[in-house]
Amino acid sequence: MKELYHHVENLNYLAIFEASARLLSFTRAAEELGISQPAVSQAVRKLEQNLGLRLFMRHHRRLALTDAGERLADTVSQSLGRILNTVESITHIAHAKHVTLAVSTAFANYWLVPRLQRFHQRYPEVDLRLQTTDKDLDLAVEGISLGVRRGKGVWSGYQSTSIARESICVVASPQFIAKHGTPSSIEQLATMNLIHLEEPHRERPKWADWFASFGYHYVDRGDGLRLNDYALVLQATMAGEGLAMGYRHVLDALFAQKLIEPVGGWRWLTGYEYFLVWSAQSKLSPDAAYVRDWIVDEVQA
């Protein structure tokens, strides 16, 4: 950006040029921008002097762009359009009357929904909307207030607060355990029917990673059920299809209902955490701040 000022002394010249190029009229550009026609003409002339190029061919009562002018007009128009979209998006987040929270299907189903009644009792006036997603969205671009991400807590353009350490155990349904028994060792576990999570857009630990954390070299035989969403993995586990990696922070409700249970007592702390994130480009609305603070309170309870 610093180099741009070496070529253009005033960035307002570019906005004035864009309007003039789009309308092919200094007079109409002046009317649109709310300034005088001589001010528009002078700004364009200054821009041409800065660049050392003619941007317009000035005919009697009409303008035409030069080749250089057409190239610059196209680039400036696209750039200003992107700036406008971002400004509208981030101001929408700050002033939105509802709060959108983007989370995985599993987090929505098994952590958030069981707690929603408590949220509505505490904040009956807040319009909270859930958006499930299988990827980490650009919150500012998508107009989303808050999201949950896995990582180390540092993302450019975001603020964050930790809500859970990533702790992975082994889980199965009571029916599966009754039928197949409980593995007594890591080696025995590796021979049993394992359900695999294979997300297409986000990196998640695989069984080989889990076994490696206990010093065991696991070779994926290519068998076992393979699913692309952790909510489906949990559904299959509850149905007795096999053993799954259990992400501890979303399992409380399922453990309480005895739909699944931990197997073997193994637990792997991966070093990653789950964070509540929001855009650093704009201030959270009061309602979004309520949602953020409520989630933090819930995980600390």
Protein backbone atom coordinates (compact mmCIF):
# COMPACT_ATOMS: atom_id res chain seq x y z
CA MET A 1 0.00 0.00 0.00
CA LYS A 2 2.89 2.36 0.76
CA GLU A 3 4.08 2.04 -2.84
CA LEU A 4 0.66 3.12 -4.11
CA TYR A 5 1.13 6.57 -2.60
CA HIS A 6 4.27 6.93 -4.71
CA HIS A 7 1.99 6.82 -7.76
CA VAL A 8 -1.24 8.39 -6.49
CA GLU A 9 -0.97 11.27 -4.01
CA ASN A 10 -4.65 11.16 -3.01
CA LEU A 11 -6.71 7.95 -3.09
CA ASN A 12 -9.86 10.04 -3.50
CA TYR A 13 -8.69 10.57 -7.06
CA LEU A 14 -9.31 6.87 -7.74
CA ALA A 15 -12.92 7.01 -6.50
CA ILE A 16 -13.56 10.12 -8.59
CA PHE A 17 -11.93 8.48 -11.60
CA GLU A 18 -14.08 5.34 -11.15
CA ALA A 19 -17.31 7.37 -11.25
CA SER A 20 -16.10 9.39 -14.24
CA ALA A 21 -15.06 6.26 -16.14
CA ARG A 22 -18.31 4.44 -15.36
CA LEU A 23 -20.51 7.39 -16.37
CA LEU A 24 -18.17 8.79 -19.06
CA SER A 25 -19.09 12.25 -17.85
CA PHE A 26 -17.42 14.61 -15.38
CA THR A 27 -20.74 16.38 -14.87
CA ARG A 28 -22.68 13.23 -14.01
CA ALA A 29 -19.82 12.00 -11.81
CA ALA A 30 -19.94 15.30 -9.92
CA GLU A 31 -23.69 14.93 -9.40
CA GLU A 32 -23.29 11.36 -8.12
CA LEU A 33 -20.45 12.26 -5.76
CA GLY A 34 -21.98 15.51 -4.55
CA ILE A 35 -19.06 17.70 -5.58
CA SER A 36 -18.52 20.29 -8.30
CA GLN A 37 -17.73 19.46 -11.91
CA PRO A 38 -14.46 21.44 -11.81
CA ALA A 39 -13.40 19.42 -8.73
CA VAL A 40 -13.96 16.18 -10.65
CA SER A 41 -12.08 17.45 -13.69
CA GLN A 42 -9.18 18.64 -11.52
CA ALA A 43 -8.98 15.32 -9.62
CA VAL A 44 -8.82 13.34 -12.86
CA ARG A 45 -6.19 15.70 -14.26
CA LYS A 46 -4.13 15.31 -11.07
CA LEU A 47 -4.39 11.52 -11.32
CA GLU A 48 -3.20 11.62 -14.92
CA GLN A 49 -0.27 13.81 -13.86
CA ASN A 50 0.58 11.42 -11.00
CA LEU A 51 0.61 8.45 -13.37
CA GLY A 52 2.12 10.23 -16.35
CA LEU A 53 -0.66 8.79 -18.52
CA ARG A 54 -3.77 10.00 -20.27
CA LEU A 55 -6.80 8.14 -18.95
CA PHE A 56 -9.46 9.90 -21.02
CA MET A 57 -9.73 11.18 -24.55
CA ARG A 58 -11.67 14.42 -24.27
CA HIS A 59 -13.92 15.02 -27.25
CA HIS A 60 -16.48 17.78 -27.66
CA ARG A 61 -19.17 17.10 -25.03
CA ARG A 62 -18.12 13.49 -24.48
CA LEU A 63 -15.39 11.38 -22.92
CA ALA A 64 -13.76 8.13 -23.98
CA LEU A 65 -11.34 5.97 -22.04
CA THR A 66 -7.86 5.30 -23.34
CA ASP A 67 -6.52 1.74 -23.18
CA ALA A 68 -4.74 2.61 -19.93
CA GLY A 69 -7.92 4.20 -18.62
CA GLU A 70 -9.96 1.08 -19.38
CA ARG A 71 -7.48 -1.15 -17.55
CA LEU A 72 -7.37 1.12 -14.52
CA ALA A 73 -11.14 1.59 -14.47
CA ASP A 74 -11.71 -2.17 -14.46
CA THR A 75 -9.29 -2.75 -11.57
CA VAL A 76 -10.50 0.21 -9.49
CA SER A 77 -14.15 -0.75 -9.99
CA GLN A 78 -13.54 -4.33 -8.83
CA SER A 79 -11.47 -3.18 -5.85
CA LEU A 80 -14.02 -0.61 -4.69
CA GLY A 81 -16.75 -3.20 -5.12
CA ARG A 82 -14.91 -5.61 -2.82
CA ILE A 83 -14.36 -2.85 -0.27
CA LEU A 84 -18.07 -2.01 -0.36
CA ASN A 85 -19.05 -5.66 0.14
CA THR A 86 -16.73 -5.99 3.13
CA VAL A 87 -17.92 -2.72 4.70
CA GLU A 88 -21.56 -3.74 4.30
CA SER A 89 -20.81 -7.19 5.73
CA ILE A 90 -18.95 -6.02 8.83
CA THR A 91 -21.43 -3.25 9.59
CA HIS A 92 -24.23 -5.80 9.18
CA ILE A 93 -22.60 -7.97 11.84
CA ALA A 94 -22.32 -5.04 14.24
CA HIS A 95 -25.91 -3.88 13.77
CA ALA A 96 -27.73 -7.14 13.02
CA LYS A 97 -30.86 -7.77 15.05
CA HIS A 98 -30.07 -11.49 15.21
CA VAL A 99 -26.96 -13.46 16.12
CA THR A 100 -25.68 -16.18 13.80
CA LEU A 101 -23.45 -18.87 15.30
CA ALA A 102 -21.59 -21.15 12.87
CA VAL A 103 -20.70 -24.56 14.31
CA SER A 104 -20.28 -28.18 13.26
CA THR A 105 -23.35 -30.39 13.14
CA ALA A 106 -22.02 -32.46 16.04
CA PHE A 107 -21.43 -29.40 18.23
CA ALA A 108 -24.90 -28.09 17.42
CA ASN A 109 -26.66 -31.41 18.05
CA TYR A 110 -24.81 -32.69 21.08
CA TRP A 111 -23.50 -29.63 22.90
CA LEU A 112 -25.57 -26.60 21.96
CA VAL A 113 -29.12 -27.85 21.45
CA PRO A 114 -29.30 -29.60 24.86
CA ARG A 115 -28.42 -26.23 26.45
CA LEU A 116 -30.60 -23.92 24.34
CA GLN A 117 -33.44 -23.84 26.83
CA ARG A 118 -31.09 -22.39 29.44
CA PHE A 119 -29.94 -19.76 26.94
CA HIS A 120 -33.49 -18.70 26.08
CA GLN A 121 -34.40 -18.50 29.75
CA ARG A 122 -31.45 -16.20 30.36
CA TYR A 123 -31.75 -14.12 27.18
CA PRO A 124 -35.34 -14.42 25.89
CA GLU A 125 -34.94 -11.29 23.75
CA VAL A 126 -31.91 -12.57 21.78
CA ASP A 127 -32.64 -14.02 18.33
CA LEU A 128 -29.98 -16.75 18.08
CA ARG A 129 -29.66 -18.57 14.76
CA LEU A 130 -27.49 -21.63 14.18
CA GLN A 131 -25.64 -22.33 10.94
CA THR A 132 -24.03 -25.75 10.68
CA THR A 133 -21.00 -26.05 8.44
CA ASP A 134 -18.29 -28.55 7.57
CA LYS A 135 -15.63 -25.89 6.96
CA ASP A 136 -14.15 -22.83 8.66
CA LEU A 137 -16.06 -19.93 7.13
CA ASP A 138 -14.91 -16.35 6.64
CA LEU A 139 -17.22 -14.83 9.23
CA ALA A 140 -16.97 -11.24 7.98
CA VAL A 141 -17.68 -12.17 4.36
CA GLU A 142 -20.56 -14.49 5.32
CA GLY A 143 -22.10 -12.02 7.77
CA ILE A 144 -21.76 -14.46 10.69
CA SER A 145 -21.39 -13.17 14.24
CA LEU A 146 -19.57 -16.07 15.92
CA GLY A 147 -18.03 -19.42 15.05
CA VAL A 148 -16.23 -22.35 16.64
CA ARG A 149 -12.82 -23.40 15.31
CA ARG A 150 -10.20 -26.01 16.15
CA GLY A 151 -6.64 -24.77 16.39
CA LYS A 152 -4.09 -22.96 18.50
CA GLY A 153 -6.13 -19.79 18.99
CA VAL A 154 -4.40 -17.47 16.50
CA TRP A 155 -6.10 -16.54 13.23
CA SER A 156 -5.45 -13.37 11.28
CA GLY A 157 -8.43 -11.03 11.48
CA TYR A 158 -10.09 -12.84 14.39
CA GLN A 159 -10.40 -12.61 18.13
CA SER A 160 -10.91 -15.83 20.06
CA THR A 161 -11.45 -17.42 23.44
CA SER A 162 -10.87 -21.07 24.31
CA ILE A 163 -13.92 -23.17 25.16
CA ALA A 164 -12.44 -26.69 25.30
CA ARG A 165 -9.18 -28.60 25.08
CA GLU A 166 -9.24 -31.38 22.50
CA SER A 167 -9.38 -34.62 24.47
CA ILE A 168 -10.10 -37.80 22.52
CA CYS A 169 -11.17 -41.06 24.12
CA VAL A 170 -12.67 -44.25 22.63
CA VAL A 171 -16.45 -44.65 22.72
CA ALA A 172 -18.98 -47.34 21.84
CA SER A 173 -22.64 -48.10 22.48
CA PRO A 174 -23.65 -50.37 25.37
CA GLN A 175 -25.02 -52.83 22.78
CA PHE A 176 -21.69 -53.01 20.97
CA ILE A 177 -19.80 -53.60 24.22
CA ALA A 178 -22.27 -56.28 25.30
CA LYS A 179 -21.81 -58.08 21.99
CA HIS A 180 -18.06 -57.65 21.39
CA GLY A 181 -16.66 -56.97 24.84
CA THR A 182 -14.28 -54.29 26.04
CA PRO A 183 -10.75 -54.29 24.57
CA SER A 184 -8.15 -54.93 27.24
CA SER A 185 -5.22 -53.46 25.31
CA ILE A 186 -4.33 -51.05 22.53
CA GLU A 187 -3.32 -54.04 20.41
CA GLN A 188 -6.74 -55.64 20.80
CA LEU A 189 -8.49 -52.35 20.09
CA ALA A 190 -6.65 -52.12 16.76
CA THR A 191 -8.24 -55.41 15.63
CA MET A 192 -11.81 -54.35 16.35
CA ASN A 193 -14.33 -52.61 14.11
CA LEU A 194 -13.40 -48.91 14.04
CA ILE A 195 -15.50 -46.09 12.62
CA HIS A 196 -13.43 -43.56 10.67
CA LEU A 197 -14.00 -39.80 10.31
CA GLU A 198 -12.85 -38.42 6.96
CA GLU A 199 -13.80 -34.74 6.76
CA PRO A 200 -13.29 -33.21 3.29
CA HIS A 201 -12.51 -29.61 4.29
CA ARG A 202 -10.97 -29.66 7.77
CA GLU A 203 -8.01 -31.53 9.16
CA ARG A 204 -9.02 -33.89 11.95
CA PRO A 205 -7.02 -36.59 13.79
CA LYS A 206 -7.24 -40.08 12.34
CA TRP A 207 -7.07 -43.41 14.13
CA ALA A 208 -3.41 -43.71 13.16
CA ASP A 209 -2.73 -40.44 15.00
CA TRP A 210 -4.64 -41.63 18.06
CA PHE A 211 -2.76 -44.94 18.24
CA ALA A 212 0.57 -43.19 17.65
CA SER A 213 -0.03 -41.04 20.74
CA PHE A 214 0.11 -44.30 22.74
CA GLY A 215 3.22 -45.52 20.95
CA TYR A 216 1.42 -48.04 18.73
CA HIS A 217 1.86 -48.20 14.95
CA TYR A 218 -1.60 -48.67 13.50
CA VAL A 219 -2.01 -49.79 9.90
CA ASP A 220 -5.34 -48.83 8.38
CA ARG A 221 -6.69 -51.99 6.77
CA GLY A 222 -9.16 -50.02 4.67
CA ASP A 223 -12.18 -51.61 6.32
CA GLY A 224 -14.64 -50.14 8.78
CA LEU A 225 -17.34 -47.54 8.25
CA ARG A 226 -16.07 -44.20 6.89
CA LEU A 227 -18.10 -41.02 7.32
CA ASN A 228 -17.46 -37.37 6.48
CA ASP A 229 -19.27 -35.74 9.42
CA TYR A 230 -18.68 -36.32 13.11
CA ALA A 231 -22.41 -36.16 13.86
CA LEU A 232 -22.81 -39.18 11.56
CA VAL A 233 -19.94 -40.93 13.34
CA LEU A 234 -21.77 -40.54 16.65
CA GLN A 235 -25.05 -41.72 15.12
CA ALA A 236 -23.32 -44.83 13.78
CA THR A 237 -21.66 -45.41 17.15
CA MET A 238 -25.00 -45.21 18.96
CA ALA A 239 -26.39 -47.69 16.42
CA GLY A 240 -23.68 -50.20 17.38
CA GLU A 241 -21.65 -50.03 14.16
CA GLY A 242 -18.29 -49.93 15.93
CA LEU A 243 -15.91 -47.97 18.12
CA ALA A 244 -15.24 -44.30 17.46
CA MET A 245 -12.91 -41.59 18.60
CA GLY A 246 -14.81 -39.60 21.20
CA TYR A 247 -14.28 -35.84 21.25
CA ARG A 248 -14.91 -35.34 24.93
CA HIS A 249 -16.29 -31.78 24.76
CA VAL A 250 -19.42 -32.82 22.83
CA LEU A 251 -20.25 -36.07 24.62
CA ASP A 252 -21.76 -35.06 27.98
CA ALA A 253 -25.38 -35.40 26.86
CA LEU A 254 -24.76 -38.79 25.21
CA PHE A 255 -22.93 -40.10 28.28
CA ALA A 256 -25.72 -38.87 30.56
CA GLN A 257 -28.34 -40.67 28.45
CA LYS A 258 -26.14 -43.80 28.34
CA LEU A 259 -26.33 -43.84 24.55
CA ILE A 260 -22.57 -44.28 24.35
CA GLU A 261 -19.85 -44.80 26.94
CA PRO A 262 -16.06 -44.49 27.15
CA VAL A 263 -14.09 -47.65 26.48
CA GLY A 264 -10.74 -48.66 27.98
CA GLY A 265 -9.96 -45.48 29.89
CA TRP A 266 -7.60 -44.15 27.19
CA ARG A 267 -7.46 -40.40 26.65
CA TRP A 268 -5.35 -38.39 24.22
CA LEU A 269 -4.82 -34.66 24.76
CA THR A 270 -3.85 -33.53 21.27
CA GLY A 271 -2.51 -30.08 22.17
CA TYR A 272 -5.26 -28.43 20.13
CA GLU A 273 -8.26 -26.57 21.50
CA TYR A 274 -11.67 -25.43 20.35
CA PHE A 275 -12.16 -21.69 20.25
CA LEU A 276 -15.10 -19.37 19.96
CA VAL A 277 -14.07 -16.84 17.30
CA TRP A 278 -15.41 -13.54 15.99
CA SER A 279 -14.21 -10.99 13.47
CA ALA A 280 -11.70 -8.42 14.71
CA GLN A 281 -12.82 -6.06 11.95
CA SER A 282 -15.94 -4.90 13.77
CA LYS A 283 -17.27 -4.71 17.29
CA LEU A 284 -19.64 -7.47 18.37
CA SER A 285 -23.24 -6.42 18.78
CA PRO A 286 -24.51 -6.50 22.38
CA ASP A 287 -26.58 -9.62 21.62
CA ALA A 288 -23.59 -11.41 20.06
CA ALA A 289 -21.56 -10.54 23.15
CA TYR A 290 -24.31 -12.12 25.28
CA VAL A 291 -24.05 -15.33 23.25
CA ARG A 292 -20.26 -15.38 23.52
CA ASP A 293 -20.31 -14.82 27.26
CA TRP A 294 -23.05 -17.41 27.79
CA ILE A 295 -21.09 -20.11 25.94
CA VAL A 296 -17.99 -19.31 28.01
CA ASP A 297 -20.07 -19.53 31.19
CA GLU A 298 -21.52 -22.89 30.12
CA VAL A 299 -18.17 -24.50 29.42
CA GLN A 300 -16.80 -23.27 32.74
CA ALA A 301 -19.81 -24.47 34.76
